[in-house]
């Protein structure tokens, strides 16, 4: 039975597991994408996402330094912490969570272990087409705000279609007018002189 086993031990002691996740986390922040086993990727996701969330909570100078120290205690790498706060944090500022993506890559040849690639979502140019550097957090609510937006868009579309109909009515619809040539382009009959 697995009562009370909340985290995956990865067949390691606590200190070895902490070191493993620390190294994987530093490599993920530095390279933005790493390939490892599926079990390690899932364990790394629960380890690194709270650290990325800590980079977003910046109210005062004291809290910024406090968050730097907390993240450093988990990573123990100055370059990785600097990269996390200066490069990664501005990109994920508008994302309310889910900073990593795990993509399964199949089985490894030697031991048939399931391999996966874990990456930071905002640094993938193929999937992340809607990357915004606005820095404002997106707020999720259950209110009926989308209905208000939908009705506003519908009324805007109706007014634009009415304006287009008025423009169409103003254009000439006489078929003769479009086929006639301007007066200066018309051929003139020359009268023969006697």
N, C-alpha and C. Protein backbone atom coordinates (compact mmCIF):
# COMPACT_ATOMS: atom_id res chain seq x y z
N UNK A 1 0.83 -1.19 0.00
CA UNK A 1 0.00 0.00 0.00
C UNK A 1 0.87 1.24 0.00
N UNK A 2 0.34 2.32 -0.54
CA UNK A 2 1.12 3.53 -0.62
C UNK A 2 0.48 4.67 0.18
N UNK A 3 0.00 4.36 1.36
CA UNK A 3 -0.61 5.39 2.18
C UNK A 3 0.44 6.40 2.64
N UNK A 4 0.13 7.67 2.44
CA UNK A 4 1.03 8.71 2.93
C UNK A 4 2.25 8.96 2.07
N UNK A 5 2.38 8.28 0.93
CA UNK A 5 3.51 8.52 0.05
C UNK A 5 3.12 9.56 -0.99
N UNK A 6 3.30 10.80 -0.63
CA UNK A 6 2.83 11.87 -1.50
C UNK A 6 3.80 12.15 -2.65
N UNK A 7 5.10 12.06 -2.38
CA UNK A 7 6.07 12.37 -3.43
C UNK A 7 6.77 11.09 -3.90
N UNK A 8 7.29 11.15 -5.11
CA UNK A 8 8.02 10.03 -5.68
C UNK A 8 9.44 10.07 -5.15
N UNK A 9 9.89 9.00 -4.53
CA UNK A 9 11.22 8.96 -3.94
C UNK A 9 12.31 8.76 -4.98
N UNK A 10 11.96 8.33 -6.19
CA UNK A 10 12.90 8.12 -7.28
C UNK A 10 14.02 7.15 -6.90
N UNK A 11 13.75 6.24 -5.99
CA UNK A 11 14.72 5.23 -5.53
C UNK A 11 16.00 5.86 -5.02
N UNK A 12 15.89 6.96 -4.29
CA UNK A 12 17.04 7.67 -3.76
C UNK A 12 16.78 8.08 -2.32
N UNK A 13 17.86 8.36 -1.61
CA UNK A 13 17.72 8.90 -0.27
C UNK A 13 17.28 10.36 -0.37
N UNK A 14 16.91 10.95 0.74
CA UNK A 14 16.41 12.33 0.72
C UNK A 14 17.47 13.31 0.24
N UNK A 15 18.70 13.16 0.69
CA UNK A 15 19.75 14.09 0.28
C UNK A 15 20.09 13.91 -1.20
N UNK A 16 20.13 12.67 -1.67
CA UNK A 16 20.42 12.43 -3.09
C UNK A 16 19.29 12.97 -3.97
N UNK A 17 18.05 12.78 -3.54
CA UNK A 17 16.90 13.27 -4.30
C UNK A 17 16.91 14.80 -4.36
N UNK A 18 17.23 15.45 -3.24
CA UNK A 18 17.31 16.91 -3.19
C UNK A 18 18.39 17.42 -4.14
N UNK A 19 19.54 16.76 -4.14
CA UNK A 19 20.63 17.16 -5.05
C UNK A 19 20.24 16.95 -6.51
N UNK A 20 19.58 15.84 -6.79
CA UNK A 20 19.14 15.55 -8.16
C UNK A 20 18.19 16.62 -8.66
N UNK A 21 17.17 16.95 -7.87
CA UNK A 21 16.20 17.95 -8.29
C UNK A 21 16.82 19.34 -8.38
N UNK A 22 17.79 19.61 -7.52
CA UNK A 22 18.50 20.88 -7.57
C UNK A 22 19.26 21.01 -8.88
N UNK A 23 19.98 19.96 -9.27
CA UNK A 23 20.75 19.99 -10.52
C UNK A 23 19.83 20.06 -11.74
N UNK A 24 18.77 19.26 -11.73
CA UNK A 24 17.82 19.30 -12.86
C UNK A 24 17.16 20.67 -12.97
N UNK A 25 16.81 21.28 -11.84
CA UNK A 25 16.19 22.59 -11.84
C UNK A 25 17.12 23.66 -12.40
N UNK A 26 18.40 23.62 -12.01
CA UNK A 26 19.37 24.59 -12.54
C UNK A 26 19.55 24.42 -14.03
N UNK A 27 19.60 23.17 -14.50
CA UNK A 27 19.77 22.93 -15.93
C UNK A 27 18.53 23.36 -16.72
N UNK A 28 17.36 23.15 -16.15
CA UNK A 28 16.12 23.58 -16.82
C UNK A 28 16.07 25.09 -16.96
N UNK A 29 16.46 25.80 -15.92
CA UNK A 29 16.44 27.27 -15.97
C UNK A 29 17.49 27.78 -16.95
N UNK A 30 18.66 27.15 -16.96
CA UNK A 30 19.74 27.60 -17.83
C UNK A 30 19.45 27.32 -19.29
N UNK A 31 19.01 26.08 -19.60
CA UNK A 31 18.83 25.67 -20.99
C UNK A 31 17.39 25.77 -21.49
N UNK A 32 16.44 26.02 -20.60
CA UNK A 32 15.01 26.20 -20.91
C UNK A 32 14.32 24.90 -21.33
N UNK A 33 15.07 23.82 -21.55
CA UNK A 33 14.47 22.54 -21.95
C UNK A 33 15.50 21.45 -21.70
N UNK A 34 15.07 20.37 -21.05
CA UNK A 34 15.97 19.23 -20.82
C UNK A 34 15.23 17.93 -21.08
N UNK A 35 15.98 16.88 -21.35
CA UNK A 35 15.42 15.55 -21.58
C UNK A 35 15.84 14.66 -20.44
N UNK A 36 14.87 13.99 -19.83
CA UNK A 36 15.13 13.10 -18.70
C UNK A 36 14.04 12.04 -18.67
N UNK A 37 14.02 11.21 -17.65
CA UNK A 37 12.96 10.20 -17.57
C UNK A 37 11.65 10.87 -17.17
N UNK A 38 10.55 10.21 -17.44
CA UNK A 38 9.24 10.77 -17.17
C UNK A 38 9.03 10.97 -15.67
N UNK A 39 9.48 10.03 -14.86
CA UNK A 39 9.31 10.16 -13.41
C UNK A 39 10.09 11.35 -12.86
N UNK A 40 11.31 11.53 -13.33
CA UNK A 40 12.11 12.69 -12.88
C UNK A 40 11.50 14.00 -13.37
N UNK A 41 10.95 14.01 -14.57
CA UNK A 41 10.32 15.21 -15.10
C UNK A 41 9.11 15.60 -14.27
N UNK A 42 8.31 14.63 -13.89
CA UNK A 42 7.13 14.92 -13.07
C UNK A 42 7.53 15.41 -11.69
N UNK A 43 8.60 14.83 -11.12
CA UNK A 43 9.08 15.28 -9.82
C UNK A 43 9.67 16.68 -9.92
N UNK A 44 10.36 16.95 -11.03
CA UNK A 44 10.96 18.27 -11.24
C UNK A 44 9.89 19.34 -11.39
N UNK A 45 8.78 19.01 -12.02
CA UNK A 45 7.70 19.98 -12.20
C UNK A 45 7.19 20.48 -10.84
N UNK A 46 6.99 19.58 -9.90
CA UNK A 46 6.49 19.99 -8.58
C UNK A 46 7.56 20.73 -7.79
N UNK A 47 8.82 20.56 -8.17
CA UNK A 47 9.92 21.22 -7.47
C UNK A 47 10.15 22.63 -8.00
N UNK A 48 10.04 22.81 -9.33
CA UNK A 48 10.46 24.07 -9.94
C UNK A 48 9.32 25.10 -10.06
N UNK A 49 8.09 24.65 -10.20
CA UNK A 49 6.99 25.61 -10.40
C UNK A 49 6.77 26.54 -9.21
N UNK A 50 6.84 26.07 -7.96
CA UNK A 50 6.73 27.03 -6.85
C UNK A 50 7.87 28.05 -6.82
N UNK A 51 9.06 27.65 -7.30
CA UNK A 51 10.18 28.58 -7.34
C UNK A 51 9.94 29.68 -8.38
N UNK A 52 9.36 29.29 -9.51
CA UNK A 52 9.06 30.29 -10.54
C UNK A 52 7.98 31.23 -10.04
N UNK A 53 7.02 30.72 -9.28
CA UNK A 53 5.98 31.57 -8.71
C UNK A 53 6.59 32.58 -7.74
N UNK A 54 7.62 32.19 -7.00
CA UNK A 54 8.27 33.10 -6.06
C UNK A 54 8.91 34.29 -6.78
N UNK A 55 9.31 34.11 -8.03
CA UNK A 55 9.94 35.21 -8.75
C UNK A 55 8.94 36.30 -9.11
N UNK A 56 7.66 35.96 -9.17
CA UNK A 56 6.63 36.92 -9.55
C UNK A 56 6.18 37.79 -8.39
N UNK A 57 6.28 37.30 -7.16
CA UNK A 57 5.79 38.04 -5.99
C UNK A 57 6.84 39.07 -5.59
N UNK A 58 6.73 40.28 -6.13
CA UNK A 58 7.70 41.34 -5.83
C UNK A 58 6.95 42.60 -5.43
N UNK A 59 6.72 42.77 -4.13
CA UNK A 59 6.03 43.96 -3.64
C UNK A 59 7.03 45.01 -3.19
N UNK A 60 7.98 44.62 -2.35
CA UNK A 60 8.95 45.57 -1.82
C UNK A 60 10.35 45.01 -1.99
N UNK A 61 11.33 45.84 -1.70
CA UNK A 61 12.73 45.42 -1.87
C UNK A 61 13.07 44.28 -0.91
N UNK A 62 12.50 44.34 0.31
CA UNK A 62 12.78 43.28 1.28
C UNK A 62 12.22 41.94 0.82
N UNK A 63 11.02 41.96 0.25
CA UNK A 63 10.42 40.71 -0.21
C UNK A 63 11.17 40.15 -1.42
N UNK A 64 11.72 41.06 -2.27
CA UNK A 64 12.49 40.59 -3.41
C UNK A 64 13.74 39.87 -2.93
N UNK A 65 14.44 40.46 -1.98
CA UNK A 65 15.65 39.82 -1.45
C UNK A 65 15.30 38.52 -0.73
N UNK A 66 14.20 38.53 -0.02
CA UNK A 66 13.77 37.32 0.69
C UNK A 66 13.50 36.19 -0.31
N UNK A 67 12.80 36.52 -1.40
CA UNK A 67 12.51 35.50 -2.41
C UNK A 67 13.78 35.03 -3.11
N UNK A 68 14.74 35.93 -3.34
CA UNK A 68 16.03 35.51 -3.90
C UNK A 68 16.70 34.49 -2.99
N UNK A 69 16.68 34.74 -1.71
CA UNK A 69 17.34 33.84 -0.76
C UNK A 69 16.63 32.49 -0.68
N UNK A 70 15.30 32.51 -0.72
CA UNK A 70 14.56 31.24 -0.68
C UNK A 70 14.87 30.42 -1.92
N UNK A 71 14.83 31.05 -3.10
CA UNK A 71 15.10 30.33 -4.35
C UNK A 71 16.53 29.83 -4.37
N UNK A 72 17.48 30.64 -3.84
CA UNK A 72 18.87 30.20 -3.80
C UNK A 72 19.04 28.99 -2.90
N UNK A 73 18.25 28.91 -1.83
CA UNK A 73 18.36 27.74 -0.93
C UNK A 73 17.90 26.46 -1.63
N UNK A 74 17.03 26.59 -2.63
CA UNK A 74 16.57 25.42 -3.37
C UNK A 74 17.47 25.07 -4.55
N UNK A 75 18.17 26.07 -5.12
CA UNK A 75 18.96 25.83 -6.33
C UNK A 75 20.47 25.82 -6.10
N UNK A 76 20.97 26.63 -5.15
CA UNK A 76 22.40 26.72 -4.85
C UNK A 76 23.26 27.03 -6.08
N UNK A 77 22.77 27.89 -6.95
CA UNK A 77 23.52 28.29 -8.13
C UNK A 77 23.19 29.75 -8.43
N UNK A 78 24.19 30.62 -8.27
CA UNK A 78 23.93 32.06 -8.45
C UNK A 78 23.50 32.39 -9.87
N UNK A 79 24.14 31.76 -10.86
CA UNK A 79 23.79 32.06 -12.25
C UNK A 79 22.36 31.64 -12.56
N UNK A 80 21.94 30.48 -12.04
CA UNK A 80 20.58 30.01 -12.30
C UNK A 80 19.55 30.94 -11.63
N UNK A 81 19.85 31.39 -10.42
CA UNK A 81 18.93 32.29 -9.72
C UNK A 81 18.85 33.62 -10.46
N UNK A 82 19.99 34.12 -10.92
CA UNK A 82 19.99 35.38 -11.67
C UNK A 82 19.20 35.24 -12.96
N UNK A 83 19.40 34.13 -13.67
CA UNK A 83 18.67 33.87 -14.91
C UNK A 83 17.17 33.77 -14.63
N UNK A 84 16.82 33.13 -13.53
CA UNK A 84 15.41 32.95 -13.17
C UNK A 84 14.74 34.30 -12.91
N UNK A 85 15.40 35.19 -12.18
CA UNK A 85 14.79 36.46 -11.82
C UNK A 85 14.87 37.50 -12.93
N UNK A 86 15.88 37.43 -13.81
CA UNK A 86 16.03 38.47 -14.82
C UNK A 86 15.45 38.09 -16.17
N UNK A 87 15.52 36.80 -16.55
CA UNK A 87 15.07 36.39 -17.89
C UNK A 87 13.72 35.68 -17.83
N UNK A 88 13.59 34.72 -16.93
CA UNK A 88 12.38 33.90 -16.89
C UNK A 88 11.20 34.66 -16.27
N UNK A 89 11.44 35.38 -15.18
CA UNK A 89 10.35 36.05 -14.47
C UNK A 89 9.57 37.05 -15.34
N UNK A 90 10.23 37.90 -16.14
CA UNK A 90 9.43 38.81 -16.97
C UNK A 90 8.58 38.09 -18.02
N UNK A 91 9.05 36.95 -18.51
CA UNK A 91 8.28 36.21 -19.52
C UNK A 91 7.04 35.56 -18.93
N UNK A 92 7.14 35.08 -17.68
CA UNK A 92 6.01 34.36 -17.08
C UNK A 92 5.14 35.26 -16.22
N UNK A 93 5.37 36.57 -16.26
CA UNK A 93 4.64 37.48 -15.39
C UNK A 93 3.14 37.44 -15.65
N UNK A 94 2.72 37.26 -16.88
CA UNK A 94 1.30 37.25 -17.20
C UNK A 94 0.65 35.88 -17.11
N UNK A 95 1.40 34.86 -16.77
CA UNK A 95 0.86 33.49 -16.74
C UNK A 95 0.48 33.13 -15.31
N UNK A 96 -0.74 32.68 -15.06
CA UNK A 96 -1.17 32.38 -13.69
C UNK A 96 -0.67 31.05 -13.14
N UNK A 97 0.05 30.28 -13.89
CA UNK A 97 0.59 29.00 -13.43
C UNK A 97 0.88 28.12 -14.63
N UNK A 98 1.35 26.91 -14.39
CA UNK A 98 1.63 26.00 -15.49
C UNK A 98 2.80 26.48 -16.33
N UNK A 99 3.95 26.68 -15.69
CA UNK A 99 5.10 27.25 -16.37
C UNK A 99 5.90 26.22 -17.16
N UNK A 100 5.66 24.94 -16.91
CA UNK A 100 6.43 23.89 -17.58
C UNK A 100 5.51 23.00 -18.39
N UNK A 101 6.09 22.35 -19.38
CA UNK A 101 5.36 21.40 -20.23
C UNK A 101 6.19 20.13 -20.32
N UNK A 102 5.53 18.98 -20.18
CA UNK A 102 6.20 17.69 -20.29
C UNK A 102 5.71 17.02 -21.57
N UNK A 103 6.67 16.65 -22.43
CA UNK A 103 6.34 15.97 -23.69
C UNK A 103 7.00 14.61 -23.66
N UNK A 104 6.21 13.55 -23.81
CA UNK A 104 6.74 12.19 -23.80
C UNK A 104 7.46 11.91 -25.11
N UNK A 105 8.61 11.26 -25.01
CA UNK A 105 9.43 10.99 -26.19
C UNK A 105 9.58 9.51 -26.51
N UNK A 106 8.94 8.64 -25.75
CA UNK A 106 9.05 7.21 -26.01
C UNK A 106 9.96 6.53 -25.00
N UNK A 107 10.38 5.31 -25.34
CA UNK A 107 11.18 4.50 -24.42
C UNK A 107 12.66 4.57 -24.79
N UNK A 108 13.51 4.53 -23.77
CA UNK A 108 14.95 4.54 -23.98
C UNK A 108 15.39 3.16 -24.44
N UNK A 109 16.39 3.11 -25.30
CA UNK A 109 16.82 1.84 -25.90
C UNK A 109 17.38 0.87 -24.86
N UNK A 110 18.26 1.34 -23.99
CA UNK A 110 18.97 0.43 -23.09
C UNK A 110 18.10 -0.24 -22.05
N UNK A 111 17.35 0.53 -21.28
CA UNK A 111 16.58 -0.03 -20.17
C UNK A 111 15.08 0.13 -20.32
N UNK A 112 14.63 0.62 -21.46
CA UNK A 112 13.20 0.77 -21.76
C UNK A 112 12.51 1.75 -20.80
N UNK A 113 13.28 2.69 -20.25
CA UNK A 113 12.69 3.71 -19.39
C UNK A 113 11.97 4.74 -20.26
N UNK A 114 10.86 5.24 -19.77
CA UNK A 114 10.09 6.22 -20.53
C UNK A 114 10.77 7.59 -20.45
N UNK A 115 11.10 8.16 -21.59
CA UNK A 115 11.82 9.41 -21.67
C UNK A 115 10.84 10.55 -21.95
N UNK A 116 11.13 11.71 -21.37
CA UNK A 116 10.27 12.88 -21.58
C UNK A 116 11.15 14.12 -21.64
N UNK A 117 10.63 15.12 -22.34
CA UNK A 117 11.29 16.42 -22.39
C UNK A 117 10.45 17.38 -21.57
N UNK A 118 11.10 18.07 -20.64
CA UNK A 118 10.41 19.09 -19.85
C UNK A 118 10.98 20.44 -20.27
N UNK A 119 10.09 21.40 -20.50
CA UNK A 119 10.53 22.70 -20.99
C UNK A 119 9.71 23.79 -20.35
N UNK A 120 10.27 25.00 -20.37
CA UNK A 120 9.53 26.18 -19.92
C UNK A 120 8.60 26.62 -21.06
N UNK A 121 7.35 26.78 -20.76
CA UNK A 121 6.32 27.00 -21.77
C UNK A 121 6.56 28.28 -22.57
N UNK A 122 6.93 29.36 -21.92
CA UNK A 122 7.04 30.65 -22.60
C UNK A 122 8.28 30.78 -23.47
N UNK A 123 9.17 29.81 -23.43
CA UNK A 123 10.39 29.89 -24.22
C UNK A 123 10.34 28.99 -25.45
N UNK A 124 9.21 28.36 -25.71
CA UNK A 124 9.06 27.55 -26.91
C UNK A 124 8.39 28.40 -27.97
N UNK A 125 9.08 28.64 -29.07
CA UNK A 125 8.56 29.51 -30.11
C UNK A 125 7.52 28.82 -30.98
N UNK A 126 7.51 27.48 -31.01
CA UNK A 126 6.56 26.75 -31.84
C UNK A 126 5.17 26.76 -31.21
N UNK A 127 5.10 26.38 -29.91
CA UNK A 127 3.81 26.31 -29.24
C UNK A 127 3.40 27.67 -28.67
N UNK A 128 4.34 28.48 -28.25
CA UNK A 128 4.02 29.73 -27.57
C UNK A 128 3.82 30.87 -28.52
N UNK A 129 2.78 30.83 -29.32
CA UNK A 129 2.54 31.89 -30.30
C UNK A 129 1.97 33.13 -29.64
N UNK A 130 1.38 33.00 -28.47
CA UNK A 130 0.74 34.13 -27.81
C UNK A 130 1.59 34.62 -26.65
N UNK A 131 2.90 34.73 -26.85
CA UNK A 131 3.77 35.21 -25.80
C UNK A 131 3.56 36.72 -25.68
N UNK A 132 3.29 37.15 -24.46
CA UNK A 132 3.08 38.58 -24.24
C UNK A 132 4.07 39.06 -23.20
N UNK A 133 4.68 40.20 -23.47
CA UNK A 133 5.61 40.79 -22.52
C UNK A 133 4.95 41.92 -21.76
N UNK A 134 3.63 41.86 -21.63
CA UNK A 134 2.91 42.96 -20.99
C UNK A 134 3.21 43.01 -19.50
N UNK A 135 3.44 41.88 -18.86
CA UNK A 135 3.78 41.87 -17.45
C UNK A 135 2.60 41.96 -16.53
N UNK A 136 1.39 42.01 -17.05
CA UNK A 136 0.23 42.09 -16.18
C UNK A 136 -0.38 40.70 -16.03
N UNK A 137 -0.71 40.37 -14.80
CA UNK A 137 -1.22 39.04 -14.51
C UNK A 137 -2.64 38.88 -15.05
N UNK A 138 -2.91 37.69 -15.55
CA UNK A 138 -4.24 37.38 -16.05
C UNK A 138 -5.05 36.86 -14.88
N UNK A 139 -6.23 37.40 -14.68
CA UNK A 139 -7.05 37.02 -13.55
C UNK A 139 -8.16 36.10 -14.02
N UNK A 140 -8.24 34.94 -13.40
CA UNK A 140 -9.30 33.99 -13.75
C UNK A 140 -10.47 34.20 -12.80
N UNK A 141 -11.65 34.39 -13.36
CA UNK A 141 -12.84 34.54 -12.54
C UNK A 141 -13.94 33.65 -13.10
N UNK A 142 -14.94 33.43 -12.30
CA UNK A 142 -16.09 32.65 -12.74
C UNK A 142 -17.28 33.54 -13.06
N UNK A 143 -17.05 34.80 -13.12
CA UNK A 143 -18.14 35.73 -13.39
C UNK A 143 -18.54 35.64 -14.85
N UNK A 144 -19.66 36.25 -15.15
CA UNK A 144 -20.18 36.22 -16.52
C UNK A 144 -19.62 37.37 -17.34
N UNK A 145 -18.36 37.68 -17.16
CA UNK A 145 -17.73 38.76 -17.90
C UNK A 145 -17.61 38.46 -19.38
N UNK A 146 -17.52 37.18 -19.73
CA UNK A 146 -17.38 36.83 -21.13
C UNK A 146 -18.66 37.14 -21.91
N UNK A 147 -19.82 37.06 -21.26
CA UNK A 147 -21.06 37.38 -21.95
C UNK A 147 -21.11 38.87 -22.29
N UNK A 148 -20.62 39.70 -21.38
CA UNK A 148 -20.60 41.14 -21.63
C UNK A 148 -19.68 41.44 -22.81
N UNK A 149 -18.52 40.79 -22.82
CA UNK A 149 -17.58 41.01 -23.92
C UNK A 149 -18.17 40.53 -25.23
N UNK A 150 -18.88 39.40 -25.21
CA UNK A 150 -19.47 38.84 -26.43
C UNK A 150 -20.54 39.78 -26.98
N UNK A 151 -21.37 40.35 -26.12
CA UNK A 151 -22.40 41.26 -26.60
C UNK A 151 -21.77 42.54 -27.14
N UNK A 152 -20.70 43.01 -26.53
CA UNK A 152 -20.02 44.22 -27.03
C UNK A 152 -19.44 43.97 -28.41
N UNK A 153 -18.87 42.80 -28.62
CA UNK A 153 -18.29 42.45 -29.92
C UNK A 153 -19.39 42.33 -30.96
N UNK A 154 -20.53 41.73 -30.59
CA UNK A 154 -21.65 41.58 -31.53
C UNK A 154 -22.19 42.94 -31.96
N UNK A 155 -22.36 43.86 -31.00
CA UNK A 155 -22.87 45.19 -31.36
C UNK A 155 -21.88 45.93 -32.24
N UNK A 156 -20.59 45.75 -31.98
CA UNK A 156 -19.57 46.39 -32.82
C UNK A 156 -19.62 45.84 -34.24
N UNK A 157 -19.81 44.52 -34.39
CA UNK A 157 -19.91 43.90 -35.71
C UNK A 157 -21.16 44.39 -36.44
N UNK A 158 -22.27 44.56 -35.71
CA UNK A 158 -23.50 45.03 -36.35
C UNK A 158 -23.33 46.45 -36.88
N UNK A 159 -22.69 47.31 -36.08
CA UNK A 159 -22.51 48.69 -36.54
C UNK A 159 -21.56 48.75 -37.73
N UNK A 160 -20.54 47.91 -37.74
CA UNK A 160 -19.62 47.92 -38.88
C UNK A 160 -20.31 47.39 -40.14
N UNK A 161 -21.22 46.40 -40.01
CA UNK A 161 -21.92 45.89 -41.18
C UNK A 161 -22.91 46.91 -41.70
N UNK A 162 -23.54 47.71 -40.81
CA UNK A 162 -24.45 48.76 -41.25
C UNK A 162 -23.68 49.83 -42.02
N UNK A 163 -22.50 50.20 -41.55
CA UNK A 163 -21.68 51.19 -42.23
C UNK A 163 -21.25 50.69 -43.60
N UNK A 164 -20.90 49.41 -43.70
CA UNK A 164 -20.53 48.83 -44.99
C UNK A 164 -21.70 48.84 -45.96
N UNK A 165 -22.92 48.58 -45.44
CA UNK A 165 -24.11 48.60 -46.30
C UNK A 165 -24.36 50.01 -46.84
N UNK A 166 -24.13 51.03 -46.01
CA UNK A 166 -24.32 52.39 -46.47
C UNK A 166 -23.30 52.75 -47.55
N UNK A 167 -22.09 52.29 -47.41
CA UNK A 167 -21.05 52.56 -48.41
C UNK A 167 -21.41 51.90 -49.73
N UNK A 168 -21.93 50.68 -49.67
CA UNK A 168 -22.32 49.97 -50.88
C UNK A 168 -23.46 50.68 -51.59
N UNK A 169 -24.41 51.24 -50.84
CA UNK A 169 -25.53 51.93 -51.45
C UNK A 169 -25.10 53.22 -52.15
N UNK A 170 -24.05 53.86 -51.69
CA UNK A 170 -23.60 55.11 -52.28
C UNK A 170 -22.90 54.91 -53.62
N UNK A 171 -22.35 53.75 -53.89
CA UNK A 171 -21.63 53.52 -55.14
C UNK A 171 -22.64 53.40 -56.28
N UNK A 172 -22.28 53.86 -57.49
CA UNK A 172 -23.23 53.78 -58.61
C UNK A 172 -23.44 52.34 -59.03
N UNK A 173 -24.70 52.04 -59.32
CA UNK A 173 -25.04 50.68 -59.73
C UNK A 173 -25.46 50.63 -61.19
N UNK A 174 -25.40 51.75 -61.92
CA UNK A 174 -25.79 51.79 -63.32
C UNK A 174 -24.73 51.08 -64.15
N UNK A 175 -25.14 50.11 -64.93
CA UNK A 175 -24.18 49.34 -65.70
C UNK A 175 -23.63 50.14 -66.86
N UNK A 176 -24.41 51.14 -67.36
CA UNK A 176 -23.93 51.98 -68.46
C UNK A 176 -22.76 52.83 -68.01
N UNK A 177 -22.84 53.32 -66.78
CA UNK A 177 -21.82 54.24 -66.30
C UNK A 177 -20.46 53.57 -66.23
N UNK A 178 -20.42 52.30 -65.93
CA UNK A 178 -19.13 51.63 -65.81
C UNK A 178 -18.54 51.30 -67.17
N UNK A 179 -19.40 51.16 -68.21
CA UNK A 179 -18.89 50.79 -69.53
C UNK A 179 -18.50 52.00 -70.38
N UNK A 180 -18.94 53.19 -70.00
CA UNK A 180 -18.65 54.37 -70.81
C UNK A 180 -17.23 54.83 -70.58
N UNK A 181 -16.63 55.34 -71.60
CA UNK A 181 -15.29 55.89 -71.51
C UNK A 181 -15.40 57.37 -71.17
N UNK A 182 -14.38 57.94 -70.58
CA UNK A 182 -14.40 59.38 -70.32
C UNK A 182 -14.42 60.15 -71.64
N UNK A 183 -14.85 61.40 -71.57
CA UNK A 183 -15.05 62.20 -72.78
C UNK A 183 -13.75 62.41 -73.55
N UNK A 184 -12.63 62.58 -72.88
CA UNK A 184 -11.39 62.84 -73.59
C UNK A 184 -10.80 61.57 -74.21
N UNK A 185 -11.20 60.39 -73.76
CA UNK A 185 -10.71 59.14 -74.32
C UNK A 185 -11.58 58.62 -75.45
N UNK A 186 -12.71 59.25 -75.68
CA UNK A 186 -13.63 58.76 -76.71
C UNK A 186 -13.05 59.06 -78.09
N UNK A 187 -13.19 58.16 -79.02
CA UNK A 187 -12.70 58.42 -80.37
C UNK A 187 -13.61 59.44 -81.05
N UNK A 188 -13.01 60.34 -81.77
CA UNK A 188 -13.78 61.37 -82.46
C UNK A 188 -13.77 61.07 -83.95
N UNK A 189 -14.87 61.41 -84.54
CA UNK A 189 -14.94 61.19 -85.99
C UNK A 189 -14.33 62.38 -86.70
N UNK A 190 -13.42 62.12 -87.58
CA UNK A 190 -12.80 63.21 -88.32
C UNK A 190 -13.59 63.45 -89.59
N UNK A 191 -13.89 64.64 -89.85
CA UNK A 191 -14.62 64.97 -91.08
C UNK A 191 -13.61 65.23 -92.19
N UNK A 192 -13.81 64.58 -93.29
CA UNK A 192 -12.86 64.82 -94.39
C UNK A 192 -13.03 66.21 -94.96
N UNK A 193 -11.90 66.85 -95.21
CA UNK A 193 -11.94 68.21 -95.75
C UNK A 193 -12.02 68.15 -97.27
N UNK A 194 -12.83 68.95 -97.85
CA UNK A 194 -13.00 68.93 -99.30
C UNK A 194 -12.14 69.91 -100.02
